[in-house]
């Protein structure tokens, strides 16, 4: 977790970069010279409230405070006022995103929302969740809100969702959990600040992110009823990278091979099966909604989805023993030999997948992860010999963490050996991954698209080998000075399209001293990864 000082420094650096770019563009235009090409996306403003304050926000009405809601969040706790807060500068094109958890509504016509192009706390565009569970896109001009577009969404009070309002030119687009659901055209406001609102409604807000480039154009999504998935439960092949290495008494990663196979389609069946002792293959049929929480996975398990429409909603998987700072070497009973493949993860109450406490030989492959509460895939506290491959991660801010804290060297130094290959980091602003201590951390043949903050962040003396990747519209593809203590990184043979350049230095152990691998041509990585990553693609 970054400190408040790191986050504010990062915010200031992004704002300064945006200001310099704007001034440069103005001067070039005045001189009749062409604009300089470079990274197309910049983070204009960000706040995750982990520093415990809401400095920089201007309030009007309501009862606003930073509270603990899982992590720290900005809470509007009353329902008897029309409450708004705004922050930032007067930007023109802007994409305003935040995670929002509606808590209570006081009557009809109420909403909790993100705001764009705010002239003041009473004049702005908004994208909100209404008391009926619908998504509403509207405009406020001093009086009552004016609805420009709306769509049913079935959102229930108390659940976290990601709202993103894009305002570019006269086009307004509203996204719910990464999917475009509403749009409109309006020319009332050409620029303004970002904000949050609880119109006679209470809510928690977190992970506010404002950038200067919109996401890719997608058609509006019409909710459909998905039939039970067809297909069989298969997990062919074996992992590449660190999960294939013989170490710590384990020969490669085989999961539940040699044991029986069970099929599950209820929460109780799933939780019982993954925690059972002994080798076991667990076939997940359909999307299973589990109670909020993290559910322990025992050693020697393969957990695999049936077809392309199976997965877990509402909770996540914990691969590892309980946290214990006193344990500084791999214990004999560390969780090991686990495979998780072909599953969708949505709406996790904490992490979608967490690997901790010296767990080893873990293969996370061909999954689709989005829209959880904290990390999508976090690996920490001495865990090692892990491969993360062919996953599609999207519309999420805290994507992948490797090493949980700058002060955890006692557990992490010499460990956290992880391979990330052929993953699609799709509109995931940061932690792609964010790395501490691990060496070598091998990041190869991944496709990065529209990452508005940073791609690979290598810090706390980590050693990152970043090669053969494709970066498109990525502000800062690779950095060893992102926040906190610096790391070491080598970036080679990567492709950069409309992106920044790596900020790298130092030497790093070669992955080839541990395992053999062959790089795909980085010019072909975009096509290869977008065709092969995610669910329903095993064996293709």
Protein backbone atom coordinates (compact mmCIF):
# COMPACT_ATOMS: atom_id res chain seq x y z
CA UNK A 1 0.00 0.00 0.00
CA UNK A 2 1.41 3.40 -0.93
CA UNK A 3 1.63 6.14 1.67
CA UNK A 4 -0.37 9.35 1.44
CA UNK A 5 2.88 11.23 0.79
CA UNK A 6 3.73 8.95 -2.14
CA UNK A 7 0.25 9.31 -3.60
CA UNK A 8 0.18 13.08 -3.31
CA UNK A 9 3.65 13.34 -4.83
CA UNK A 10 2.49 11.13 -7.69
CA UNK A 11 -0.62 13.29 -8.16
CA UNK A 12 1.44 16.47 -8.21
CA UNK A 13 3.86 14.97 -10.75
CA UNK A 14 0.98 13.96 -13.05
CA UNK A 15 -0.66 17.37 -12.80
CA UNK A 16 2.64 19.08 -13.55
CA UNK A 17 3.20 16.85 -16.57
CA UNK A 18 -0.29 17.64 -17.84
CA UNK A 19 0.31 21.38 -17.38
CA UNK A 20 3.65 21.25 -19.19
CA UNK A 21 2.07 19.30 -22.06
CA UNK A 22 -0.78 21.78 -22.35
CA UNK A 23 1.59 24.78 -22.40
CA UNK A 24 3.82 23.09 -24.97
CA UNK A 25 0.85 22.32 -27.21
CA UNK A 26 -0.34 25.94 -27.00
CA UNK A 27 3.11 27.31 -27.91
CA UNK A 28 3.48 24.90 -30.82
CA UNK A 29 0.06 25.84 -32.15
CA UNK A 30 0.90 29.55 -31.91
CA UNK A 31 4.10 28.96 -33.90
CA UNK A 32 2.29 26.86 -36.47
CA UNK A 33 4.33 23.77 -35.62
CA UNK A 34 3.02 20.20 -35.36
CA UNK A 35 2.32 18.73 -31.95
CA UNK A 36 4.88 16.38 -30.44
CA UNK A 37 3.62 12.82 -30.25
CA UNK A 38 3.92 10.90 -26.98
CA UNK A 39 1.82 9.25 -24.32
CA UNK A 40 -1.84 10.09 -24.96
CA UNK A 41 -3.15 9.45 -21.47
CA UNK A 42 -2.30 11.40 -18.35
CA UNK A 43 -3.60 11.06 -14.84
CA UNK A 44 -4.98 14.50 -13.98
CA UNK A 45 -6.09 13.69 -10.44
CA UNK A 46 -6.25 10.67 -8.13
CA UNK A 47 -7.29 10.08 -4.53
CA UNK A 48 -7.69 6.78 -2.67
CA UNK A 49 -8.02 8.50 0.76
CA UNK A 50 -5.44 6.19 2.32
CA UNK A 51 -3.72 9.22 3.90
CA UNK A 52 -6.82 9.67 6.07
CA UNK A 53 -7.80 13.11 4.82
CA UNK A 54 -9.76 14.74 2.00
CA UNK A 55 -7.49 17.72 1.40
CA UNK A 56 -8.24 19.44 -1.91
CA UNK A 57 -11.96 18.67 -1.95
CA UNK A 58 -14.50 21.54 -1.74
CA UNK A 59 -17.71 20.52 0.04
CA UNK A 60 -21.28 21.72 -0.17
CA UNK A 61 -23.93 20.13 2.06
CA UNK A 62 -24.05 16.75 3.69
CA UNK A 63 -21.73 15.08 6.17
CA UNK A 64 -18.44 14.05 4.52
CA UNK A 65 -15.58 12.22 6.23
CA UNK A 66 -12.85 9.66 5.52
CA UNK A 67 -13.86 6.33 7.06
CA UNK A 68 -12.78 2.70 7.08
CA UNK A 69 -14.94 0.81 4.59
CA UNK A 70 -12.68 -2.13 3.84
CA UNK A 71 -9.90 0.29 2.96
CA UNK A 72 -10.29 4.01 3.62
CA UNK A 73 -13.02 5.72 1.64
CA UNK A 74 -14.79 9.10 1.47
CA UNK A 75 -18.25 8.73 3.05
CA UNK A 76 -21.29 10.96 2.67
CA UNK A 77 -23.25 9.69 5.66
CA UNK A 78 -26.42 11.77 5.77
CA UNK A 79 -29.57 11.51 3.66
CA UNK A 80 -31.20 14.84 4.53
CA UNK A 81 -29.15 17.09 2.24
CA UNK A 82 -28.10 17.55 -1.36
CA UNK A 83 -24.38 16.89 -0.83
CA UNK A 84 -21.57 17.49 -3.33
CA UNK A 85 -17.77 17.73 -3.30
CA UNK A 86 -15.53 18.87 -6.16
CA UNK A 87 -11.77 18.84 -6.74
CA UNK A 88 -9.10 19.45 -9.34
CA UNK A 89 -8.78 22.04 -12.10
CA UNK A 90 -10.94 23.23 -14.96
CA UNK A 91 -10.24 20.46 -17.47
CA UNK A 92 -11.89 20.12 -20.89
CA UNK A 93 -11.87 16.46 -21.95
CA UNK A 94 -11.99 14.28 -18.87
CA UNK A 95 -12.75 10.75 -17.71
CA UNK A 96 -13.91 10.66 -14.08
CA UNK A 97 -13.96 7.25 -12.41
CA UNK A 98 -14.64 6.10 -8.84
CA UNK A 99 -15.79 3.05 -6.95
CA UNK A 100 -19.14 3.79 -5.35
CA UNK A 101 -21.13 1.95 -2.69
CA UNK A 102 -24.67 3.32 -2.26
CA UNK A 103 -25.87 2.95 1.33
CA UNK A 104 -29.30 4.62 1.69
CA UNK A 105 -31.69 6.87 -0.26
CA UNK A 106 -34.18 9.37 1.17
CA UNK A 107 -37.12 9.11 -1.21
CA UNK A 108 -37.52 8.87 -4.98
CA UNK A 109 -35.46 10.69 -7.59
CA UNK A 110 -32.30 10.44 -5.45
CA UNK A 111 -28.85 9.32 -6.54
CA UNK A 112 -25.17 8.91 -5.66
CA UNK A 113 -22.85 9.97 -8.46
CA UNK A 114 -19.55 11.00 -9.97
CA UNK A 115 -19.39 14.48 -11.49
CA UNK A 116 -17.60 15.89 -14.53
CA UNK A 117 -17.08 19.43 -15.85
CA UNK A 118 -18.34 20.90 -12.60
CA UNK A 119 -18.59 24.70 -12.78
CA UNK A 120 -19.52 24.76 -9.09
CA UNK A 121 -21.25 22.49 -6.60
CA UNK A 122 -24.56 23.26 -8.31
CA UNK A 123 -23.61 23.10 -12.02
CA UNK A 124 -22.17 19.91 -13.53
CA UNK A 125 -22.73 16.67 -15.43
CA UNK A 126 -23.32 13.56 -13.34
CA UNK A 127 -23.41 9.77 -13.70
CA UNK A 128 -25.24 8.19 -10.80
CA UNK A 129 -26.89 5.18 -9.25
CA UNK A 130 -30.52 5.89 -8.42
CA UNK A 131 -32.68 4.54 -5.65
CA UNK A 132 -34.30 2.07 -8.10
CA UNK A 133 -30.91 0.51 -8.92
CA UNK A 134 -30.77 2.18 -12.33
CA UNK A 135 -27.89 4.17 -13.82
CA UNK A 136 -28.73 7.79 -14.68
CA UNK A 137 -26.75 10.32 -16.75
CA UNK A 138 -27.73 13.92 -16.20
CA UNK A 139 -27.00 17.62 -15.97
CA UNK A 140 -27.39 20.09 -13.14
CA UNK A 141 -27.70 23.81 -13.86
CA UNK A 142 -28.50 25.21 -10.44
CA UNK A 143 -31.96 23.73 -10.05
CA UNK A 144 -33.28 20.19 -10.09
CA UNK A 145 -31.24 17.55 -11.95
CA UNK A 146 -32.12 17.00 -15.62
CA UNK A 147 -31.93 13.40 -16.84
CA UNK A 148 -30.22 12.98 -20.22
CA UNK A 149 -30.24 9.17 -20.33
CA UNK A 150 -30.87 6.21 -18.02
CA UNK A 151 -30.65 2.43 -18.05
CA UNK A 152 -31.86 -0.32 -15.70
CA UNK A 153 -28.99 -2.04 -13.91
CA UNK A 154 -30.41 -3.93 -10.93
CA UNK A 155 -27.85 -2.47 -8.51
CA UNK A 156 -28.55 -3.30 -4.87
CA UNK A 157 -27.81 -1.02 -1.94
CA UNK A 158 -24.58 -1.90 -0.15
CA UNK A 159 -22.66 -3.25 -3.14
CA UNK A 160 -19.55 -1.68 -4.65
CA UNK A 161 -19.59 -0.66 -8.32
CA UNK A 162 -17.28 1.33 -10.57
CA UNK A 163 -18.77 4.37 -12.30
CA UNK A 164 -16.95 6.21 -15.07
CA UNK A 165 -18.24 9.40 -16.71
CA UNK A 166 -16.46 10.52 -19.86
CA UNK A 167 -16.93 14.03 -21.25
CA UNK A 168 -15.10 14.71 -24.52
CA UNK A 169 -16.36 17.40 -26.85
CA UNK A 170 -20.15 17.30 -26.64
CA UNK A 171 -20.28 13.53 -26.11
CA UNK A 172 -21.05 12.12 -22.67
CA UNK A 173 -20.61 8.39 -22.01
CA UNK A 174 -21.46 6.53 -18.81
CA UNK A 175 -19.88 3.22 -17.80
CA UNK A 176 -20.89 0.76 -15.07
CA UNK A 177 -18.23 -1.78 -14.07
CA UNK A 178 -16.40 -1.19 -17.34
CA UNK A 179 -19.38 -1.54 -19.71
CA UNK A 180 -20.93 1.46 -21.45
CA UNK A 181 -24.59 1.66 -20.44
CA UNK A 182 -25.68 5.24 -21.23
CA UNK A 183 -24.67 8.10 -23.53
CA UNK A 184 -25.88 11.54 -24.53
CA UNK A 185 -24.87 14.69 -26.39
CA UNK A 186 -24.88 18.03 -24.58
CA UNK A 187 -22.99 21.32 -25.10
CA UNK A 188 -23.85 23.12 -21.85
CA UNK A 189 -20.43 22.74 -20.20
CA UNK A 190 -17.15 22.65 -22.09
CA UNK A 191 -14.83 22.29 -19.08
CA UNK A 192 -14.83 22.05 -15.30
CA UNK A 193 -13.71 20.11 -12.26
CA UNK A 194 -14.42 16.53 -11.10
CA UNK A 195 -16.61 15.62 -8.15
CA UNK A 196 -18.81 13.28 -6.16
CA UNK A 197 -22.41 13.63 -5.03
CA UNK A 198 -24.96 12.16 -2.66
CA UNK A 199 -28.28 13.74 -3.55
CA UNK A 200 -30.30 13.05 -0.41
CA UNK A 201 -28.45 9.74 -0.30
CA UNK A 202 -25.51 8.27 1.60
CA UNK A 203 -22.62 6.42 -0.01
CA UNK A 204 -18.92 5.56 0.20
CA UNK A 205 -16.55 6.64 -2.58
CA UNK A 206 -13.03 5.33 -3.23
CA UNK A 207 -10.25 5.19 -5.82
CA UNK A 208 -11.14 8.41 -7.62
CA UNK A 209 -9.24 8.68 -10.89
CA UNK A 210 -9.42 11.48 -13.47
CA UNK A 211 -7.58 11.12 -16.80
CA UNK A 212 -7.52 13.09 -20.02
CA UNK A 213 -8.31 10.25 -22.46
CA UNK A 214 -11.48 8.21 -22.79
CA UNK A 215 -11.67 4.47 -22.92
CA UNK A 216 -12.25 2.57 -26.15
CA UNK A 217 -15.59 2.88 -27.88
CA UNK A 218 -17.87 -0.01 -27.05
CA UNK A 219 -21.54 -0.55 -27.86
CA UNK A 220 -24.03 -0.21 -24.98
CA UNK A 221 -24.52 -3.45 -23.09
CA UNK A 222 -28.02 -4.91 -22.82
CA UNK A 223 -28.38 -7.20 -19.78
CA UNK A 224 -29.11 -10.78 -20.80
CA UNK A 225 -29.88 -13.97 -18.98
CA UNK A 226 -26.96 -16.36 -19.46
CA UNK A 227 -27.90 -20.04 -19.78
CA UNK A 228 -25.94 -22.63 -17.83
CA UNK A 229 -22.54 -23.11 -19.46
CA UNK A 230 -21.97 -26.12 -21.62
CA UNK A 231 -18.72 -27.98 -21.93
CA UNK A 232 -16.51 -30.23 -19.92
CA UNK A 233 -14.05 -29.59 -17.13
CA UNK A 234 -10.56 -29.68 -18.64
CA UNK A 235 -7.16 -28.33 -17.64
CA UNK A 236 -4.68 -29.41 -20.32
CA UNK A 237 -1.03 -28.48 -20.46
CA UNK A 238 1.40 -27.27 -17.83
CA UNK A 239 2.72 -23.87 -16.78
CA UNK A 240 5.68 -21.98 -18.18
CA UNK A 241 7.82 -19.73 -16.03
CA UNK A 242 8.45 -20.02 -12.31
CA UNK A 243 5.54 -22.39 -11.61
CA UNK A 244 7.38 -25.00 -13.70
CA UNK A 245 10.60 -24.87 -11.65
CA UNK A 246 11.51 -27.66 -9.22
CA UNK A 247 12.08 -26.00 -5.84
CA UNK A 248 11.15 -26.10 -2.16
CA UNK A 249 10.45 -29.83 -2.38
CA UNK A 250 7.91 -29.52 -5.18
CA UNK A 251 8.40 -30.70 -8.77
CA UNK A 252 6.59 -28.23 -10.98
CA UNK A 253 2.90 -27.45 -10.56
CA UNK A 254 0.35 -30.20 -11.17
CA UNK A 255 -2.59 -29.13 -8.98
CA UNK A 256 -5.11 -31.85 -8.36
CA UNK A 257 -3.62 -34.35 -10.81
CA UNK A 258 -3.91 -37.90 -9.58
CA UNK A 259 -6.91 -37.17 -7.39
CA UNK A 260 -10.68 -37.37 -7.99
CA UNK A 261 -12.82 -34.75 -9.78
CA UNK A 262 -15.90 -33.05 -8.34
CA UNK A 263 -18.33 -30.63 -9.91
CA UNK A 264 -19.75 -27.74 -7.86
CA UNK A 265 -22.48 -25.20 -8.55
CA UNK A 266 -23.31 -23.81 -5.10
CA UNK A 267 -21.32 -21.71 -2.64
CA UNK A 268 -21.30 -24.39 0.04
CA UNK A 269 -20.07 -27.06 -2.39
CA UNK A 270 -17.31 -24.79 -3.70
CA UNK A 271 -16.05 -23.68 -0.28
CA UNK A 272 -16.02 -27.25 1.01
CA UNK A 273 -14.25 -28.68 -2.03
CA UNK A 274 -11.41 -26.16 -2.30
CA UNK A 275 -10.59 -26.57 1.39
CA UNK A 276 -10.49 -30.37 1.33
CA UNK A 277 -7.17 -32.11 1.97
CA UNK A 278 -5.51 -34.19 -0.75
CA UNK A 279 -5.33 -33.85 -4.55
CA UNK A 280 -8.64 -32.77 -6.10
CA UNK A 281 -9.89 -31.18 -9.32
CA UNK A 282 -12.83 -28.85 -8.66
CA UNK A 283 -15.02 -28.12 -11.69
CA UNK A 284 -17.02 -24.89 -11.28
CA UNK A 285 -20.24 -24.83 -13.29
CA UNK A 286 -21.92 -21.45 -13.73
CA UNK A 287 -21.27 -18.29 -11.75
CA UNK A 288 -21.36 -19.07 -8.03
CA UNK A 289 -22.17 -16.17 -5.72
CA UNK A 290 -20.46 -16.62 -2.37
CA UNK A 291 -20.90 -14.58 0.82
CA UNK A 292 -18.45 -11.68 1.19
CA UNK A 293 -15.03 -12.92 2.29
CA UNK A 294 -11.90 -14.81 1.27
CA UNK A 295 -12.08 -18.60 1.08
CA UNK A 296 -9.07 -20.81 1.78
CA UNK A 297 -7.68 -23.12 -0.89
CA UNK A 298 -5.77 -26.18 0.32
CA UNK A 299 -2.69 -27.67 -1.33
CA UNK A 300 -2.87 -29.91 -4.43
CA UNK A 301 -5.95 -28.38 -6.03
CA UNK A 302 -7.03 -27.57 -9.56
CA UNK A 303 -9.99 -25.18 -9.67
CA UNK A 304 -11.25 -24.81 -13.23
CA UNK A 305 -14.36 -23.32 -14.81
CA UNK A 306 -16.64 -25.21 -17.18
CA UNK A 307 -17.05 -23.49 -20.55
CA UNK A 308 -16.67 -19.70 -20.76
CA UNK A 309 -19.38 -18.59 -18.33
CA UNK A 310 -18.33 -20.01 -14.98
CA UNK A 311 -16.76 -18.25 -12.04
CA UNK A 312 -17.03 -16.65 -8.62
CA UNK A 313 -18.91 -13.53 -7.57
CA UNK A 314 -18.99 -11.66 -4.26
CA UNK A 315 -15.86 -13.13 -2.68
CA UNK A 316 -12.38 -14.36 -3.47
CA UNK A 317 -9.84 -17.16 -3.10
CA UNK A 318 -7.10 -17.14 -0.45
CA UNK A 319 -4.13 -19.38 -1.23
CA UNK A 320 -2.03 -19.36 1.92
CA UNK A 321 -1.75 -19.75 5.66
CA UNK A 322 -2.91 -16.98 8.03
CA UNK A 323 -0.64 -13.95 8.21
CA UNK A 324 2.15 -14.25 10.80
CA UNK A 325 4.97 -11.68 10.83
CA UNK A 326 7.08 -13.95 13.04
CA UNK A 327 7.43 -16.56 10.28
CA UNK A 328 10.35 -15.55 8.07
CA UNK A 329 11.11 -18.79 6.20
CA UNK A 330 8.90 -21.20 4.26
CA UNK A 331 7.10 -23.46 6.76
CA UNK A 332 6.66 -27.16 6.03
CA UNK A 333 2.88 -26.77 5.80
CA UNK A 334 2.90 -23.82 3.37
CA UNK A 335 0.09 -24.10 0.81
CA UNK A 336 1.47 -25.33 -2.49
CA UNK A 337 0.67 -26.88 -5.88
CA UNK A 338 -2.51 -24.95 -6.77
CA UNK A 339 -3.95 -24.24 -10.21
CA UNK A 340 -6.78 -21.74 -10.88
CA UNK A 341 -7.95 -21.60 -14.51
CA UNK A 342 -10.78 -20.50 -16.77
CA UNK A 343 -12.80 -18.62 -14.11
CA UNK A 344 -14.45 -15.21 -14.09
CA UNK A 345 -14.12 -13.14 -10.91
CA UNK A 346 -16.55 -10.28 -10.26
CA UNK A 347 -17.47 -8.10 -7.31
CA UNK A 348 -15.01 -9.56 -4.80
CA UNK A 349 -15.47 -8.07 -1.32
CA UNK A 350 -11.67 -8.03 -0.84
CA UNK A 351 -9.10 -9.52 -3.24
CA UNK A 352 -10.22 -11.73 -6.10
CA UNK A 353 -7.16 -14.00 -5.66
CA UNK A 354 -4.69 -13.61 -2.79
CA UNK A 355 -1.49 -15.67 -2.50
CA UNK A 356 0.38 -15.29 0.81
CA UNK A 357 2.62 -16.72 3.54
CA UNK A 358 5.23 -18.60 1.47
CA UNK A 359 2.70 -20.35 -0.75
CA UNK A 360 4.51 -21.79 -3.73
CA UNK A 361 3.99 -23.45 -7.08
CA UNK A 362 0.78 -21.64 -8.01
CA UNK A 363 -0.49 -21.27 -11.58
CA UNK A 364 -3.17 -18.64 -12.29
CA UNK A 365 -4.13 -19.00 -15.93
CA UNK A 366 -6.79 -17.97 -18.46
CA UNK A 367 -9.04 -16.16 -16.00
CA UNK A 368 -11.15 -13.01 -16.48
CA UNK A 369 -10.98 -10.62 -13.52
CA UNK A 370 -12.74 -7.31 -13.06
CA UNK A 371 -14.44 -4.94 -10.71
CA UNK A 372 -13.50 -6.23 -7.27
CA UNK A 373 -12.87 -4.31 -4.09
CA UNK A 374 -9.10 -4.46 -3.58
CA UNK A 375 -6.55 -6.41 -5.64
CA UNK A 376 -7.41 -8.69 -8.53
CA UNK A 377 -4.30 -10.87 -8.04
CA UNK A 378 -2.09 -10.11 -5.02
CA UNK A 379 1.02 -12.20 -4.23
CA UNK A 380 2.88 -11.45 -1.02
CA UNK A 381 4.67 -12.47 2.19
CA UNK A 382 7.35 -14.76 0.80
CA UNK A 383 5.24 -16.57 -1.79
CA UNK A 384 7.24 -17.81 -4.74
CA UNK A 385 7.39 -19.98 -7.88
CA UNK A 386 4.17 -18.52 -9.25
CA UNK A 387 3.08 -18.06 -12.87
CA UNK A 388 0.33 -15.60 -13.84
CA UNK A 389 -0.53 -16.21 -17.49
CA UNK A 390 -3.12 -15.51 -20.18
CA UNK A 391 -5.46 -13.59 -17.85
CA UNK A 392 -7.71 -10.74 -19.00
CA UNK A 393 -7.86 -8.06 -16.30
CA UNK A 394 -9.92 -4.97 -16.96
CA UNK A 395 -11.67 -1.89 -15.53
CA UNK A 396 -9.91 -2.10 -12.20
CA UNK A 397 -7.40 0.16 -10.43
CA UNK A 398 -5.53 -2.01 -7.91
CA UNK A 399 -4.73 -4.74 -10.39
CA UNK A 400 -1.80 -6.89 -9.23
CA UNK A 401 0.44 -6.41 -6.19
CA UNK A 402 3.66 -8.36 -5.62
CA UNK A 403 4.95 -7.78 -2.07
CA UNK A 404 2.57 -6.08 0.32
CA UNK A 405 4.73 -3.48 2.08
CA UNK A 406 8.06 -1.63 1.84
CA UNK A 407 9.01 -2.89 5.32
CA UNK A 408 8.46 -6.61 4.68
CA UNK A 409 11.96 -7.53 3.55
CA UNK A 410 12.33 -10.21 6.24
CA UNK A 411 9.76 -12.39 4.49
CA UNK A 412 10.22 -11.24 0.91
CA UNK A 413 13.91 -10.77 0.12
CA UNK A 414 15.11 -13.68 -2.03
CA UNK A 415 11.54 -14.80 -2.73
CA UNK A 416 8.55 -13.48 -4.69
CA UNK A 417 9.83 -15.20 -7.85
CA UNK A 418 6.92 -14.71 -10.23
CA UNK A 419 6.40 -14.86 -14.00
CA UNK A 420 3.74 -12.72 -15.70
CA UNK A 421 3.24 -13.63 -19.35
CA UNK A 422 0.61 -13.18 -22.05
CA UNK A 423 -1.78 -11.24 -19.81
CA UNK A 424 -4.04 -8.50 -21.15
CA UNK A 425 -3.87 -5.44 -18.87
CA UNK A 426 -6.94 -3.72 -20.28
CA UNK A 427 -7.77 -0.23 -18.90
CA UNK A 428 -6.15 -0.99 -15.54
CA UNK A 429 -4.52 2.26 -14.37
CA UNK A 430 -1.86 0.88 -12.01
CA UNK A 431 -0.28 -2.20 -10.34
CA UNK A 432 0.35 -4.05 -13.57
CA UNK A 433 2.08 -5.34 -11.44
CA UNK A 434 3.47 -3.16 -8.63
CA UNK A 435 6.54 -5.02 -7.33
CA UNK A 436 8.56 -4.99 -4.11
CA UNK A 437 11.67 -7.08 -3.29
CA UNK A 438 11.11 -9.96 -5.75
CA UNK A 439 13.92 -10.99 -8.13
CA UNK A 440 13.80 -11.87 -10.85
CA UNK A 441 10.22 -10.83 -11.59
CA UNK A 442 9.76 -11.78 -15.23
CA UNK A 443 7.20 -9.78 -17.20
CA UNK A 444 7.11 -10.86 -20.82
CA UNK A 445 4.80 -10.91 -23.85
CA UNK A 446 1.95 -9.08 -22.10
CA UNK A 447 -0.35 -6.58 -23.83
CA UNK A 448 -0.93 -3.28 -22.04
CA UNK A 449 -3.77 -1.05 -23.19
CA UNK A 450 -4.81 2.38 -21.86
CA UNK A 451 -3.06 2.23 -18.49
CA UNK A 452 -3.36 5.87 -17.39
CA UNK A 453 -0.94 5.77 -14.46
CA UNK A 454 1.82 3.16 -14.70
CA UNK A 455 2.42 -0.26 -16.22
CA UNK A 456 5.14 -2.17 -14.34
CA UNK A 457 6.21 -0.41 -11.13
CA UNK A 458 9.43 -1.90 -9.76
CA UNK A 459 10.46 -0.66 -6.30
CA UNK A 460 11.89 -1.58 -2.88
CA UNK A 461 15.02 -3.09 -4.48
CA UNK A 462 13.01 -5.49 -6.62
CA UNK A 463 14.61 -6.76 -9.82
CA UNK A 464 12.22 -6.73 -12.79
CA UNK A 465 12.95 -8.11 -16.26
CA UNK A 466 10.41 -6.57 -18.65
CA UNK A 467 10.75 -7.86 -22.20
CA UNK A 468 8.81 -8.50 -25.36
CA UNK A 469 5.68 -6.67 -24.20
CA UNK A 470 3.35 -4.43 -26.21
CA UNK A 471 2.38 -1.10 -24.61
CA UNK A 472 -0.39 0.96 -26.20
CA UNK A 473 -1.60 4.29 -24.77
CA UNK A 474 0.34 3.75 -21.54
CA UNK A 475 1.47 6.90 -19.75
CA UNK A 476 4.48 5.37 -17.97
CA UNK A 477 5.13 1.81 -19.21
CA UNK A 478 7.89 0.81 -16.77
CA UNK A 479 9.21 2.67 -13.73
CA UNK A 480 11.65 1.94 -10.92
CA UNK A 481 10.87 5.26 -9.17
CA UNK A 482 7.07 5.16 -9.01
CA UNK A 483 6.68 5.58 -5.23
CA UNK A 484 8.73 4.69 -2.18
CA UNK A 485 12.19 3.09 -2.39
CA UNK A 486 13.46 2.52 -5.92
CA UNK A 487 13.96 -0.86 -7.53
CA UNK A 488 15.99 -2.18 -10.46
CA UNK A 489 14.62 -2.97 -13.88
CA UNK A 490 15.75 -3.96 -17.33
CA UNK A 491 13.36 -3.22 -20.21
CA UNK A 492 14.21 -4.68 -23.60
CA UNK A 493 12.58 -5.62 -26.91
CA UNK A 494 9.26 -3.97 -26.01
CA UNK A 495 6.89 -2.18 -28.41
CA UNK A 496 5.52 1.27 -27.50
CA UNK A 497 2.52 2.72 -29.33
CA UNK A 498 1.39 6.23 -28.33
CA UNK A 499 3.06 5.63 -24.96
CA UNK A 500 5.80 6.98 -22.74
CA UNK A 501 9.26 5.49 -22.36
CA UNK A 502 10.66 3.21 -19.62
CA UNK A 503 12.25 4.73 -16.53
CA UNK A 504 14.71 1.94 -15.73
CA UNK A 505 18.13 1.33 -14.28
CA UNK A 506 20.34 -1.26 -12.59
CA UNK A 507 21.01 -4.91 -13.27
CA UNK A 508 18.62 -7.84 -12.76
CA UNK A 509 19.07 -11.62 -12.58
CA UNK A 510 18.21 -13.37 -15.83
CA UNK A 511 15.10 -15.57 -15.84
CA UNK A 512 16.96 -18.02 -18.09
CA UNK A 513 19.06 -19.08 -15.13
CA UNK A 514 15.85 -20.64 -13.72
CA UNK A 515 13.89 -21.81 -16.79
CA UNK A 516 13.90 -21.81 -20.59
CA UNK A 517 11.43 -19.71 -22.56
CA UNK A 518 10.88 -18.39 -26.07
CA UNK A 519 9.62 -14.85 -26.69
CA UNK A 520 6.87 -14.16 -29.20
CA UNK A 521 7.57 -11.32 -31.60
CA UNK A 522 6.49 -8.22 -29.61
CA UNK A 523 4.93 -6.75 -32.77
CA UNK A 524 2.51 -9.72 -32.76
CA UNK A 525 1.80 -9.73 -29.03
CA UNK A 526 -1.34 -7.57 -29.25
CA UNK A 527 -2.99 -9.96 -31.69
CA UNK A 528 -1.80 -13.07 -29.87
CA UNK A 529 -2.90 -11.95 -26.41
CA UNK A 530 -6.27 -10.44 -27.32
CA UNK A 531 -7.13 -13.66 -29.17
CA UNK A 532 -5.93 -16.03 -26.46
CA UNK A 533 -6.30 -14.40 -23.03
CA UNK A 534 -9.28 -14.90 -20.77
CA UNK A 535 -11.90 -17.60 -20.31
CA UNK A 536 -12.96 -20.13 -22.91
CA UNK A 537 -9.51 -20.03 -24.51
CA UNK A 538 -7.66 -22.95 -22.91
CA UNK A 539 -6.10 -25.03 -25.63
CA UNK A 540 -6.79 -22.51 -28.42
